[in-house]
Amino acid sequence: MLSETKLNILKQISSDLSREESIWASGYLAGLAGASLTAAQPPLQVTLPEQNTVKKITLAYGTETGNSKKLATSLAGIIKKKGIQVKLADLSQYKPKDLSKEEFFFVVISTQGEGDPPVLAKKFYDYIYENEINLSTLKFGVLALGDSSYPLFCKTGEDVDSRFELLGAQRIIPLKKCDIDYEQDAQNWIEHVFETVNKTSAGSVKNTPAQKASTGRKKYQGTVSAIINLNDITSEKETYHIEIETAEALSYQPGAALGIIPFNPKSVVAEIIAVTGIDPKKQIETTKITDTVEELLHKHLNISYLLKTVVAQYAKITGHSIPEVRLSLLDLLRIYPVKNAEEFEEIIQILTAQAPRLYSISSSPEAHGENEIHITVARSEFFIDHQKHNGLCSGYLSEFTEGGEIEFYIQDAGHFRLPEPDKDIIMIGPGTGIAPFRSFLWERDAVGAEGKNWLFFGDRNFVSDFIYQAELQDFLKTGSLTHLDLAFSRDTAEKVYVQHKLEQKAQEVFYWLENGASVYVCGTKDPMSRDVENTLLNIIQQHGKRSQEEAVSYLEEMELNGRYAKDVY
């Protein structure tokens, strides 16, 4: 019921309305009433503005797993509903030379691995860093996606943002860094974009609050059902095949990775507690979690290899003069001790969260079912001051026994996934680089894929290091594996690696490329993946009768079309 004052105002306004105006007004009021009864809007949905003055913006995305693309597409839809024309651009296809022609350019980009740009956006990233472009007429903003568990959180977004500014572009909204739960931050960012580029809009915009949808990682609980050292007893290496069973159904594609946050050794945690004198059961609240000192150090915080920035903060708190180094927390405490337990509580606050480690999945959903998943893990060893250390996560995993409980998540395959079943593939994966290719072979075998499969595999010694040998021989017998080329570097006087085997089969390799085969490389980035890429370029030059520049373009074209993919570390 209207108050008397409001009723008199309504009568005064309506008395002068024509029949058509009265009909319009009644519809308008009915619309307002209906809007108040409408259920909550879904995420990333907003009301429309009355009008705007900006006609066009470009929204570009750089993606590895597809999150940036999916998000950019949603954000573009919001802006279009507001009446602004949006050009949605994939940075793998975008011509950087066109930047100088843009007026409003906004970027959604993720960060991979050790602060690297997405593979498909690397050409754009390299171009803006290697060329001096005049961007003085460009207005821009960057939305960076990342994972705060990693030290170089959102580094690619930071790099693009700072480089644009150095090239003369005008930053009209601050860099926004988003963690894995990015929906609400992205909603706010696109609203900021609209408000900033459209300040002269005649109509005011009222945003509908969005319900926050969690996009955090889906965590699975599993049981280690098998753990097998694949190397012979005479080998210098330990490579573990680990099978995990789950009660909950798993969903993934061959080429995906399994993510694990490793626990720190309890023996190391006990030493830290002894050295500092802190109460292990004392509850401490950090920025992300509250738990006992003992549990924080064991399960949640990085104590094995501190960042230089953390060491610098440690020095500031303790008053020690410490050179720019990376040390474990225990070594730091031994060399530069804290004064007391209270000071160590301050140290706990500056420790970063334990970063997850990713391992290529070596099982196939079609072949091994929805409640089982496999990984292939090499136990890494390194020396500091002649003292042997194990890699944190590989050591953690290799010490599991059957029946042990483990928590993990699945990282989407992104660009590293199988082509259509009738397409041929060439797989190059020495050592544990074979992991995703085991997944590929089992999958293609299970679905009866018609495409041919060629594997280049290598390691140190044939007798002790030919992992998955029996399986590969069975795939050869059944025809699921068309060709298998092996390189065991320590079995010959002159070391032979997978790139040398590629050279030996150069003509046939190029024939496969010309007939549409996809090439996959998995394993160490340096020097393996670089040596393999240089060999592929030489093959394209020699057998394709192309110049060096043409060979590079040939391989880049394959990469853009999803026919050349690398999963390297």
Protein backbone atom coordinates (compact mmCIF):
# COMPACT_ATOMS: atom_id res chain seq x y z
CA MET A 1 0.00 0.00 0.00
CA LEU A 2 1.34 3.45 -0.95
CA SER A 3 1.66 6.19 1.61
CA GLU A 4 -0.62 9.21 1.12
CA THR A 5 2.31 11.35 -0.06
CA LYS A 6 3.43 8.84 -2.70
CA LEU A 7 -0.19 8.29 -3.81
CA ASN A 8 -0.71 12.04 -4.37
CA ILE A 9 2.55 12.20 -6.40
CA LEU A 10 1.39 9.25 -8.54
CA LYS A 11 -2.03 10.87 -9.14
CA GLN A 12 -0.39 14.16 -10.12
CA ILE A 13 1.93 12.45 -12.64
CA SER A 14 -0.71 10.15 -14.12
CA SER A 15 -3.36 12.84 -14.57
CA ASP A 16 -1.53 14.33 -17.57
CA LEU A 17 -0.61 11.03 -19.28
CA SER A 18 -2.05 10.06 -22.64
CA ARG A 19 -3.57 6.57 -23.14
CA GLU A 20 -0.33 5.29 -24.74
CA GLU A 21 1.81 6.81 -21.97
CA SER A 22 -0.44 5.25 -19.30
CA ILE A 23 -0.05 1.82 -20.92
CA TRP A 24 3.75 2.25 -21.06
CA ALA A 25 3.87 3.39 -17.41
CA SER A 26 1.76 0.46 -16.22
CA GLY A 27 4.06 -1.95 -18.04
CA TYR A 28 7.10 -0.23 -16.56
CA LEU A 29 5.74 -0.52 -13.02
CA ALA A 30 4.76 -4.15 -13.60
CA GLY A 31 8.27 -4.85 -14.78
CA LEU A 32 9.69 -3.34 -11.61
CA ALA A 33 7.39 -5.44 -9.49
CA GLY A 34 8.34 -8.60 -11.38
CA ALA A 35 12.03 -7.86 -11.01
CA SER A 36 11.72 -7.74 -7.23
CA LEU A 37 10.27 -11.26 -7.25
CA THR A 38 12.86 -12.75 -9.55
CA ALA A 39 15.16 -15.41 -8.12
CA ALA A 40 18.86 -14.65 -7.59
CA GLN A 41 20.78 -14.17 -10.80
CA PRO A 42 23.39 -16.75 -11.77
CA PRO A 43 27.07 -15.82 -11.48
CA LEU A 44 28.44 -13.29 -13.96
CA GLN A 45 24.98 -11.84 -14.78
CA VAL A 46 24.19 -8.14 -14.46
CA THR A 47 21.43 -5.65 -15.35
CA LEU A 48 21.64 -3.68 -18.55
CA PRO A 49 22.51 0.02 -18.80
CA GLU A 50 20.25 2.52 -20.48
CA GLN A 51 22.94 3.64 -22.92
CA ASN A 52 26.68 4.03 -23.31
CA THR A 53 29.15 6.02 -25.32
CA VAL A 54 31.96 3.49 -25.88
CA LYS A 55 31.27 1.41 -28.97
CA LYS A 56 33.99 -1.24 -29.05
CA ILE A 57 36.65 -2.92 -26.92
CA THR A 58 38.95 -5.89 -27.48
CA LEU A 59 39.04 -8.65 -24.89
CA ALA A 60 41.96 -11.02 -25.45
CA TYR A 61 42.80 -14.23 -23.62
CA GLY A 62 45.86 -16.44 -23.21
CA THR A 63 45.07 -19.91 -21.92
CA GLU A 64 46.72 -23.23 -21.17
CA THR A 65 43.94 -25.30 -19.58
CA GLY A 66 40.97 -23.38 -21.01
CA ASN A 67 40.05 -21.35 -17.90
CA SER A 68 41.05 -17.98 -19.40
CA LYS A 69 39.12 -18.70 -22.59
CA LYS A 70 36.01 -19.78 -20.71
CA LEU A 71 36.18 -16.76 -18.43
CA ALA A 72 36.89 -14.26 -21.23
CA THR A 73 33.92 -15.62 -23.19
CA SER A 74 31.63 -15.13 -20.17
CA LEU A 75 32.94 -11.61 -19.57
CA ALA A 76 32.50 -10.72 -23.24
CA GLY A 77 28.86 -11.80 -22.96
CA ILE A 78 28.32 -9.42 -20.04
CA ILE A 79 29.78 -6.46 -21.89
CA LYS A 80 27.75 -7.23 -25.02
CA LYS A 81 24.56 -7.22 -22.95
CA LYS A 82 25.53 -3.75 -21.78
CA GLY A 83 25.49 -2.59 -25.38
CA ILE A 84 29.22 -2.47 -26.09
CA GLN A 85 30.66 -4.30 -29.05
CA VAL A 86 33.38 -6.75 -27.99
CA LYS A 87 36.03 -8.35 -30.15
CA LEU A 88 37.04 -11.58 -28.41
CA ALA A 89 40.61 -12.51 -29.38
CA ASP A 90 42.73 -15.60 -28.76
CA LEU A 91 46.33 -14.45 -28.19
CA SER A 92 47.55 -17.51 -30.12
CA GLN A 93 45.85 -16.03 -33.21
CA TYR A 94 46.12 -12.30 -32.46
CA LYS A 95 48.57 -10.21 -34.52
CA PRO A 96 50.60 -8.11 -32.07
CA LYS A 97 51.17 -5.50 -34.79
CA ASP A 98 47.49 -4.64 -34.48
CA LEU A 99 47.97 -3.42 -30.90
CA SER A 100 48.82 0.07 -32.07
CA LYS A 101 45.43 0.23 -33.82
CA GLU A 102 43.44 -0.67 -30.69
CA GLU A 103 41.78 1.89 -28.43
CA PHE A 104 40.64 -0.30 -25.51
CA PHE A 105 42.49 -3.60 -25.03
CA PHE A 106 41.87 -5.89 -22.05
CA VAL A 107 43.71 -9.14 -21.37
CA VAL A 108 42.74 -12.25 -19.40
CA ILE A 109 45.84 -14.44 -19.06
CA SER A 110 47.05 -17.30 -16.88
CA THR A 111 50.48 -18.24 -15.55
CA GLN A 112 52.00 -21.71 -15.91
CA GLY A 113 54.78 -23.60 -14.12
CA GLU A 114 57.65 -21.37 -13.01
CA GLY A 115 56.01 -18.10 -14.03
CA ASP A 116 55.74 -19.01 -17.73
CA PRO A 117 53.09 -17.74 -20.15
CA PRO A 118 50.63 -20.24 -21.62
CA VAL A 119 52.23 -22.13 -24.51
CA LEU A 120 49.70 -20.79 -27.02
CA ALA A 121 50.25 -17.19 -25.85
CA LYS A 122 54.06 -17.35 -25.82
CA LYS A 123 54.43 -15.94 -29.35
CA PHE A 124 52.45 -12.84 -28.32
CA TYR A 125 54.35 -12.60 -25.03
CA ASP A 126 57.73 -12.83 -26.76
CA TYR A 127 56.73 -10.29 -29.40
CA ILE A 128 55.81 -7.53 -26.96
CA TYR A 129 59.05 -8.10 -25.03
CA GLU A 130 61.31 -8.30 -28.09
CA ASN A 131 59.87 -5.33 -30.01
CA GLU A 132 59.54 -1.64 -29.24
CA ILE A 133 55.93 -0.92 -30.20
CA ASN A 134 54.37 2.51 -29.85
CA LEU A 135 51.27 1.94 -27.72
CA SER A 136 50.70 5.56 -26.73
CA THR A 137 47.08 5.49 -27.95
CA LEU A 138 46.20 2.22 -26.23
CA LYS A 139 44.16 2.05 -23.02
CA PHE A 140 44.43 -1.28 -21.25
CA GLY A 141 43.78 -3.48 -18.24
CA VAL A 142 44.91 -6.98 -17.28
CA LEU A 143 43.11 -9.76 -15.40
CA ALA A 144 45.72 -12.32 -14.30
CA LEU A 145 44.77 -15.87 -13.36
CA GLY A 146 47.06 -17.94 -11.18
CA ASP A 147 47.45 -20.16 -8.18
CA SER A 148 48.76 -18.55 -5.00
CA SER A 149 50.24 -21.90 -3.95
CA TYR A 150 53.01 -21.19 -6.45
CA PRO A 151 55.74 -18.63 -5.66
CA LEU A 152 55.44 -16.75 -8.98
CA PHE A 153 51.72 -16.11 -8.59
CA CYS A 154 50.21 -14.41 -11.68
CA LYS A 155 53.67 -13.49 -13.01
CA THR A 156 52.61 -13.57 -16.69
CA GLY A 157 49.82 -11.09 -16.01
CA GLU A 158 52.25 -8.87 -14.12
CA ASP A 159 54.71 -9.06 -17.03
CA VAL A 160 52.12 -8.11 -19.65
CA ASP A 161 50.81 -5.27 -17.49
CA SER A 162 54.26 -3.75 -16.86
CA ARG A 163 55.41 -4.22 -20.47
CA PHE A 164 52.33 -2.45 -21.87
CA GLU A 165 53.05 0.49 -19.57
CA LEU A 166 56.70 0.64 -20.70
CA LEU A 167 55.53 0.69 -24.31
CA GLY A 168 53.51 3.83 -23.59
CA ALA A 169 50.03 2.37 -23.10
CA GLN A 170 47.71 3.93 -20.53
CA ARG A 171 46.61 1.61 -17.73
CA ILE A 172 43.03 2.62 -17.03
CA ILE A 173 42.31 -0.04 -14.41
CA PRO A 174 44.84 -1.63 -12.03
CA LEU A 175 46.15 -5.13 -12.58
CA LYS A 176 43.79 -7.66 -10.97
CA LYS A 177 45.33 -10.94 -9.74
CA CYS A 178 42.93 -13.84 -9.24
CA ASP A 179 43.45 -17.09 -7.40
CA ILE A 180 41.76 -20.39 -8.32
CA ASP A 181 38.44 -19.08 -6.94
CA TYR A 182 38.21 -16.29 -9.49
CA GLU A 183 34.49 -15.88 -10.30
CA GLN A 184 33.65 -12.99 -7.98
CA ASP A 185 36.92 -11.15 -8.66
CA ALA A 186 36.30 -11.50 -12.40
CA GLN A 187 32.75 -10.16 -11.96
CA ASN A 188 34.06 -7.10 -10.14
CA TRP A 189 36.82 -6.59 -12.70
CA ILE A 190 34.50 -6.54 -15.72
CA GLU A 191 32.23 -4.09 -13.90
CA HIS A 192 35.28 -1.91 -13.30
CA VAL A 193 36.14 -2.18 -17.00
CA PHE A 194 32.66 -1.03 -17.98
CA GLU A 195 32.53 1.84 -15.52
CA THR A 196 35.99 3.08 -16.47
CA VAL A 197 35.63 3.05 -20.25
CA ASN A 198 32.09 4.35 -20.11
CA LYS A 199 32.28 7.21 -17.60
CA THR A 200 30.23 9.50 -19.79
CA SER A 201 27.33 7.06 -19.99
CA ALA A 202 24.06 8.91 -19.54
CA GLY A 203 22.36 6.09 -17.70
CA SER A 204 23.44 4.85 -14.33
CA VAL A 205 24.10 1.16 -13.99
CA LYS A 206 22.93 -0.80 -11.01
CA ASN A 207 24.68 -4.12 -10.63
CA THR A 208 22.91 -7.23 -9.56
CA PRO A 209 24.95 -8.96 -6.82
CA ALA A 210 26.30 -12.24 -8.12
CA GLN A 211 26.26 -15.40 -6.12
CA LYS A 212 29.81 -16.58 -5.68
CA ALA A 213 30.40 -19.95 -7.27
CA SER A 214 33.41 -21.81 -6.00
CA THR A 215 35.77 -22.82 -8.78
CA GLY A 216 38.38 -24.25 -6.44
CA ARG A 217 40.03 -27.52 -7.17
CA LYS A 218 37.97 -30.64 -6.82
CA LYS A 219 39.81 -32.74 -4.24
CA TYR A 220 39.73 -36.52 -4.40
CA GLN A 221 40.53 -39.00 -1.65
CA GLY A 222 42.32 -42.11 -2.83
CA THR A 223 44.05 -45.24 -1.63
CA VAL A 224 47.40 -46.37 -3.04
CA SER A 225 46.60 -49.83 -4.41
CA ALA A 226 50.00 -50.55 -6.00
CA ILE A 227 53.48 -49.03 -5.92
CA ILE A 228 56.16 -50.65 -8.07
CA ASN A 229 59.77 -49.66 -8.75
CA LEU A 230 60.00 -50.01 -12.54
CA ASN A 231 63.80 -49.94 -12.63
CA ASP A 232 65.95 -53.03 -12.29
CA ILE A 233 67.89 -53.53 -9.07
CA THR A 234 71.11 -52.65 -10.95
CA SER A 235 69.81 -49.22 -11.96
CA GLU A 236 71.02 -45.95 -10.48
CA LYS A 237 67.45 -44.67 -10.69
CA GLU A 238 64.15 -45.33 -8.93
CA THR A 239 61.02 -44.83 -11.04
CA TYR A 240 57.74 -45.71 -9.36
CA HIS A 241 54.51 -46.77 -11.01
CA ILE A 242 51.78 -45.74 -8.55
CA GLU A 243 48.15 -46.81 -8.83
CA ILE A 244 45.46 -45.01 -6.85
CA GLU A 245 41.90 -46.20 -6.35
CA THR A 246 38.98 -43.95 -5.42
CA ALA A 247 35.43 -44.52 -4.24
CA GLU A 248 34.34 -41.43 -6.17
CA ALA A 249 34.25 -41.56 -9.97
CA LEU A 250 37.09 -39.69 -11.70
CA SER A 251 36.75 -37.59 -14.83
CA TYR A 252 39.81 -36.71 -16.93
CA GLN A 253 41.26 -36.89 -20.43
CA PRO A 254 44.56 -38.51 -21.47
CA GLY A 255 47.27 -35.88 -21.17
CA ALA A 256 45.90 -34.45 -17.92
CA ALA A 257 48.01 -34.16 -14.77
CA LEU A 258 47.50 -35.21 -11.18
CA GLY A 259 48.27 -32.60 -8.52
CA ILE A 260 49.56 -33.45 -5.07
CA ILE A 261 50.55 -31.25 -2.15
CA PRO A 262 53.33 -33.19 -0.41
CA PHE A 263 53.82 -33.36 3.34
CA ASN A 264 57.15 -32.41 4.87
CA PRO A 265 59.03 -35.21 6.67
CA LYS A 266 58.02 -35.51 10.33
CA SER A 267 61.67 -35.95 11.29
CA VAL A 268 62.50 -32.51 9.85
CA VAL A 269 59.51 -30.94 11.57
CA ALA A 270 60.60 -32.47 14.89
CA GLU A 271 64.09 -30.96 14.48
CA ILE A 272 62.65 -27.52 13.74
CA ILE A 273 60.50 -27.69 16.86
CA ALA A 274 63.48 -28.79 18.95
CA VAL A 275 65.73 -26.02 17.61
CA THR A 276 63.17 -23.25 18.19
CA GLY A 277 61.67 -24.51 21.44
CA ILE A 278 58.14 -23.75 20.24
CA ASP A 279 55.14 -25.67 21.57
CA PRO A 280 54.18 -28.09 18.74
CA LYS A 281 50.51 -28.07 19.83
CA LYS A 282 50.13 -24.31 19.88
CA GLN A 283 47.43 -23.04 17.52
CA ILE A 284 48.69 -20.50 14.98
CA GLU A 285 46.52 -18.50 12.58
CA THR A 286 48.12 -17.82 9.18
CA THR A 287 46.62 -15.96 6.23
CA LYS A 288 45.13 -19.16 4.82
CA ILE A 289 44.75 -21.68 7.61
CA THR A 290 44.69 -22.12 11.37
CA ASP A 291 46.30 -25.23 12.82
CA THR A 292 48.86 -26.41 15.33
CA VAL A 293 52.53 -25.56 14.76
CA GLU A 294 53.25 -29.23 14.14
CA GLU A 295 50.52 -29.64 11.51
CA LEU A 296 51.35 -26.34 9.77
CA LEU A 297 54.98 -27.36 9.36
CA HIS A 298 54.14 -30.93 8.37
CA LYS A 299 51.21 -30.44 5.98
CA HIS A 300 50.75 -26.85 4.91
CA LEU A 301 53.88 -24.69 4.71
CA ASN A 302 56.94 -24.76 2.49
CA ILE A 303 59.99 -25.43 4.67
CA SER A 304 62.22 -27.31 2.25
CA TYR A 305 63.55 -24.64 -0.14
CA LEU A 306 62.67 -21.09 0.87
CA LEU A 307 62.35 -18.29 -1.63
CA LYS A 308 64.98 -15.55 -1.53
CA THR A 309 62.23 -13.08 -0.57
CA VAL A 310 61.32 -15.25 2.43
CA VAL A 311 64.98 -15.47 3.46
CA ALA A 312 65.20 -11.67 3.24
CA GLN A 313 62.13 -11.33 5.51
CA TYR A 314 63.67 -13.85 7.91
CA ALA A 315 66.81 -11.70 8.07
CA LYS A 316 64.74 -8.60 8.80
CA ILE A 317 62.85 -10.28 11.66
CA THR A 318 65.88 -11.93 13.27
CA GLY A 319 68.37 -9.12 12.67
CA HIS A 320 70.89 -11.46 11.02
CA SER A 321 72.89 -10.41 7.96
CA ILE A 322 72.07 -13.18 5.46
CA PRO A 323 73.32 -13.31 1.86
CA GLU A 324 70.83 -13.72 -1.01
CA VAL A 325 70.47 -17.50 -0.92
CA ARG A 326 67.83 -20.23 -0.93
CA LEU A 327 68.00 -22.56 2.05
CA SER A 328 65.71 -24.95 3.87
CA LEU A 329 64.09 -23.59 7.01
CA LEU A 330 66.03 -26.05 9.17
CA ASP A 331 69.38 -25.00 7.69
CA LEU A 332 68.44 -21.36 8.13
CA LEU A 333 67.55 -21.93 11.78
CA ARG A 334 70.81 -23.77 12.43
CA ILE A 335 73.01 -21.10 10.82
CA TYR A 336 70.99 -18.02 11.82
CA PRO A 337 68.97 -19.06 14.92
CA VAL A 338 65.90 -17.25 16.21
CA LYS A 339 66.05 -15.65 19.67
CA ASN A 340 63.09 -17.54 21.10
CA ALA A 341 59.81 -19.31 20.32
CA GLU A 342 57.93 -15.99 20.04
CA GLU A 343 60.25 -14.82 17.27
CA PHE A 344 59.75 -18.14 15.45
CA GLU A 345 55.99 -17.50 15.50
CA GLU A 346 56.74 -14.41 13.40
CA ILE A 347 58.76 -16.59 11.03
CA ILE A 348 55.83 -18.97 10.59
CA GLN A 349 53.73 -16.04 9.33
CA ILE A 350 56.13 -15.31 6.44
CA LEU A 351 56.38 -18.90 5.20
CA THR A 352 54.62 -19.56 1.91
CA ALA A 353 52.04 -22.29 1.40
CA GLN A 354 53.28 -25.64 0.18
CA ALA A 355 53.06 -25.61 -3.61
CA PRO A 356 51.38 -28.54 -5.36
CA ARG A 357 53.41 -30.76 -7.69
CA LEU A 358 51.97 -31.99 -10.97
CA TYR A 359 52.56 -35.44 -12.47
CA SER A 360 51.37 -36.52 -15.91
CA ILE A 361 48.67 -39.16 -15.56
CA SER A 362 49.80 -42.45 -17.09
CA SER A 363 46.46 -44.28 -17.08
CA SER A 364 43.49 -44.15 -19.44
CA PRO A 365 39.90 -43.52 -18.35
CA GLU A 366 38.64 -45.90 -21.05
CA ALA A 367 41.11 -48.67 -20.27
CA HIS A 368 41.42 -48.41 -16.49
CA GLY A 369 37.95 -47.24 -15.48
CA GLU A 370 36.61 -44.28 -13.56
CA ASN A 371 37.82 -45.34 -10.11
CA GLU A 372 41.52 -45.84 -10.84
CA ILE A 373 44.33 -43.49 -11.82
CA HIS A 374 48.09 -44.02 -12.34
CA ILE A 375 51.18 -41.80 -12.20
CA THR A 376 54.85 -42.44 -12.97
CA VAL A 377 57.27 -40.82 -10.52
CA ALA A 378 61.07 -40.66 -10.65
CA ARG A 379 62.62 -40.25 -7.23
CA SER A 380 64.88 -37.24 -7.59
CA GLU A 381 68.14 -36.81 -5.73
CA PHE A 382 70.48 -33.84 -5.45
CA PHE A 383 73.49 -32.81 -3.39
CA ILE A 384 74.11 -29.70 -1.30
CA ASP A 385 77.60 -29.43 0.17
CA HIS A 386 78.21 -33.09 -0.64
CA GLN A 387 75.12 -34.09 1.33
CA LYS A 388 72.47 -36.14 -0.46
CA HIS A 389 68.87 -34.87 -0.48
CA ASN A 390 65.68 -36.29 -1.98
CA GLY A 391 63.16 -34.27 -3.92
CA LEU A 392 60.32 -33.41 -1.54
CA CYS A 393 57.32 -34.75 -3.47
CA SER A 394 59.03 -37.64 -5.24
CA GLY A 395 60.44 -38.74 -1.88
CA TYR A 396 57.01 -38.35 -0.27
CA LEU A 397 55.34 -40.47 -2.95
CA SER A 398 58.01 -43.15 -3.21
CA GLU A 399 57.68 -43.88 0.50
CA PHE A 400 53.98 -44.73 0.28
CA THR A 401 52.92 -48.31 0.89
CA GLU A 402 49.86 -50.11 -0.41
CA GLY A 403 46.79 -49.03 1.51
CA GLY A 404 48.08 -45.52 2.21
CA GLU A 405 45.56 -42.68 1.94
CA ILE A 406 46.32 -39.81 -0.41
CA GLU A 407 44.57 -36.58 -1.46
CA PHE A 408 44.92 -35.20 -4.98
CA TYR A 409 43.26 -33.12 -7.69
CA ILE A 410 43.22 -33.32 -11.48
CA GLN A 411 44.64 -30.58 -13.71
CA ASP A 412 42.97 -30.44 -17.14
CA ALA A 413 45.04 -31.46 -20.15
CA GLY A 414 44.71 -28.06 -21.82
CA HIS A 415 46.50 -28.15 -25.17
CA PHE A 416 48.16 -31.52 -24.49
CA ARG A 417 45.44 -33.90 -25.61
CA LEU A 418 44.79 -36.54 -28.24
CA PRO A 419 43.58 -35.64 -31.74
CA GLU A 420 40.70 -37.40 -33.49
CA PRO A 421 40.96 -41.23 -33.39
CA ASP A 422 41.82 -41.47 -37.11
CA LYS A 423 44.79 -39.05 -36.86
CA ASP A 424 48.42 -40.21 -36.53
CA ILE A 425 50.60 -39.20 -33.58
CA ILE A 426 54.35 -39.05 -32.89
CA MET A 427 55.26 -39.19 -29.20
CA ILE A 428 58.72 -38.22 -27.91
CA GLY A 429 59.18 -38.95 -24.22
CA PRO A 430 62.41 -40.17 -22.59
CA GLY A 431 62.40 -41.23 -18.94
CA THR A 432 59.21 -40.35 -17.09
CA GLY A 433 58.24 -38.34 -20.18
CA ILE A 434 56.63 -41.60 -21.27
CA ALA A 435 53.85 -41.16 -18.68
CA PRO A 436 51.23 -39.34 -20.79
CA PHE A 437 52.09 -41.52 -23.78
CA ARG A 438 51.27 -44.65 -21.80
CA SER A 439 47.90 -42.96 -21.22
CA PHE A 440 47.58 -42.17 -24.95
CA LEU A 441 48.38 -45.75 -26.01
CA TRP A 442 46.03 -47.39 -23.53
CA GLU A 443 43.25 -44.96 -24.52
CA ARG A 444 43.69 -45.45 -28.28
CA ASP A 445 43.89 -49.19 -27.81
CA ALA A 446 40.70 -49.22 -25.72
CA VAL A 447 38.63 -47.16 -28.18
CA GLY A 448 40.04 -48.88 -31.29
CA ALA A 449 41.49 -45.66 -32.73
CA GLU A 450 42.55 -46.05 -36.37
CA GLY A 451 45.36 -43.48 -36.27
CA LYS A 452 48.94 -44.73 -36.24
CA ASN A 453 51.14 -44.28 -33.14
CA TRP A 454 54.92 -43.77 -33.12
CA LEU A 455 56.88 -43.60 -29.87
CA PHE A 456 60.46 -42.39 -29.31
CA PHE A 457 61.62 -43.44 -25.85
CA GLY A 458 64.98 -43.44 -24.14
CA ASP A 459 66.82 -43.63 -20.83
CA ARG A 460 70.24 -44.69 -19.55
CA ASN A 461 70.41 -48.49 -19.92
CA PHE A 462 68.26 -50.99 -21.80
CA VAL A 463 68.49 -53.72 -19.15
CA SER A 464 67.80 -51.61 -16.07
CA ASP A 465 65.84 -48.57 -17.29
CA PHE A 466 63.44 -49.73 -20.01
CA ILE A 467 60.29 -48.93 -18.04
CA TYR A 468 56.93 -50.33 -19.23
CA GLN A 469 58.88 -52.62 -21.58
CA ALA A 470 56.40 -55.52 -21.52
CA GLU A 471 53.42 -53.22 -22.17
CA LEU A 472 55.11 -51.51 -25.11
CA GLN A 473 56.05 -54.84 -26.65
CA ASP A 474 52.43 -55.99 -26.32
CA PHE A 475 51.22 -52.78 -28.00
CA LEU A 476 53.66 -53.49 -30.86
CA LYS A 477 52.35 -57.03 -31.25
CA THR A 478 48.72 -55.91 -31.41
CA GLY A 479 49.47 -53.00 -33.75
CA SER A 480 48.35 -50.33 -31.26
CA LEU A 481 51.96 -49.10 -31.42
CA THR A 482 53.08 -48.74 -35.04
CA HIS A 483 56.73 -47.83 -34.44
CA LEU A 484 58.97 -47.86 -31.35
CA ASP A 485 62.40 -46.21 -31.52
CA LEU A 486 64.67 -46.56 -28.50
CA ALA A 487 67.69 -44.57 -27.32
CA PHE A 488 69.67 -45.82 -24.32
CA SER A 489 72.46 -43.30 -23.79
CA ARG A 490 74.78 -45.36 -21.55
CA ASP A 491 74.76 -48.54 -23.65
CA THR A 492 77.03 -47.16 -26.38
CA ALA A 493 80.42 -45.51 -26.46
CA GLU A 494 78.82 -42.38 -27.91
CA LYS A 495 75.69 -41.23 -26.13
CA VAL A 496 72.52 -41.60 -28.18
CA TYR A 497 69.39 -39.64 -27.30
CA VAL A 498 65.85 -39.45 -28.70
CA GLN A 499 66.74 -36.54 -31.00
CA HIS A 500 69.38 -38.73 -32.66
CA LYS A 501 66.73 -41.37 -33.33
CA LEU A 502 64.55 -38.66 -34.86
CA GLU A 503 67.41 -37.70 -37.17
CA GLN A 504 67.84 -41.31 -38.27
CA LYS A 505 64.16 -41.48 -39.26
CA ALA A 506 64.00 -37.93 -40.62
CA GLN A 507 62.44 -38.69 -44.00
CA GLU A 508 59.64 -40.82 -42.55
CA VAL A 509 59.06 -38.32 -39.74
CA PHE A 510 58.55 -35.54 -42.28
CA TYR A 511 56.23 -37.78 -44.30
CA TRP A 512 54.08 -38.22 -41.19
CA LEU A 513 54.08 -34.46 -40.57
CA GLU A 514 53.00 -33.73 -44.13
CA ASN A 515 50.18 -36.22 -43.74
CA GLY A 516 48.75 -34.49 -40.70
CA ALA A 517 50.40 -36.28 -37.77
CA SER A 518 50.47 -34.54 -34.39
CA VAL A 519 53.75 -34.36 -32.44
CA TYR A 520 53.96 -34.50 -28.64
CA VAL A 521 57.04 -33.93 -26.50
CA CYS A 522 57.18 -34.69 -22.78
CA GLY A 523 60.10 -34.59 -20.35
CA THR A 524 62.81 -32.17 -19.30
CA LYS A 525 62.81 -28.72 -20.86
CA ASP A 526 66.61 -28.38 -20.92
CA PRO A 527 68.23 -29.74 -22.86
CA MET A 528 65.88 -32.48 -24.13
CA SER A 529 62.89 -30.51 -25.44
CA ARG A 530 65.11 -27.84 -27.02
CA ASP A 531 67.27 -30.47 -28.73
CA VAL A 532 64.16 -32.25 -30.02
CA GLU A 533 62.67 -29.00 -31.36
CA ASN A 534 65.91 -28.08 -33.12
CA THR A 535 65.97 -31.55 -34.68
CA LEU A 536 62.38 -31.18 -35.90
CA LEU A 537 63.25 -27.81 -37.44
CA ASN A 538 66.24 -29.36 -39.23
CA ILE A 539 64.04 -32.18 -40.55
CA ILE A 540 61.49 -29.68 -41.87
CA GLN A 541 64.27 -27.64 -43.51
CA GLN A 542 66.07 -30.54 -45.14
CA HIS A 543 63.22 -32.80 -46.18
CA GLY A 544 60.68 -30.05 -46.72
CA LYS A 545 63.17 -27.92 -48.66
CA ARG A 546 62.36 -24.87 -46.56
CA SER A 547 64.44 -22.03 -45.22
CA GLN A 548 65.10 -21.67 -41.50
CA GLU A 549 62.39 -19.02 -41.21
CA GLU A 550 59.91 -21.16 -43.15
CA ALA A 551 60.67 -24.16 -40.92
CA VAL A 552 59.98 -22.07 -37.82
CA SER A 553 56.68 -20.90 -39.35
CA TYR A 554 55.80 -24.50 -40.24
CA LEU A 555 56.26 -25.64 -36.65
CA GLU A 556 54.47 -22.58 -35.26
CA GLU A 557 51.53 -23.31 -37.54
CA MET A 558 51.44 -26.87 -36.24
CA GLU A 559 51.45 -25.54 -32.68
CA LEU A 560 48.62 -23.09 -33.34
CA ASN A 561 46.57 -25.88 -34.90
CA GLY A 562 47.15 -28.13 -31.89
CA ARG A 563 49.43 -30.51 -33.80
CA TYR A 564 52.61 -29.73 -31.84
CA ALA A 565 52.32 -29.82 -28.07
CA LYS A 566 54.89 -29.90 -25.26
CA ASP A 567 54.56 -30.89 -21.63
CA VAL A 568 58.02 -30.08 -20.31
CA TYR A 569 59.49 -29.23 -16.93
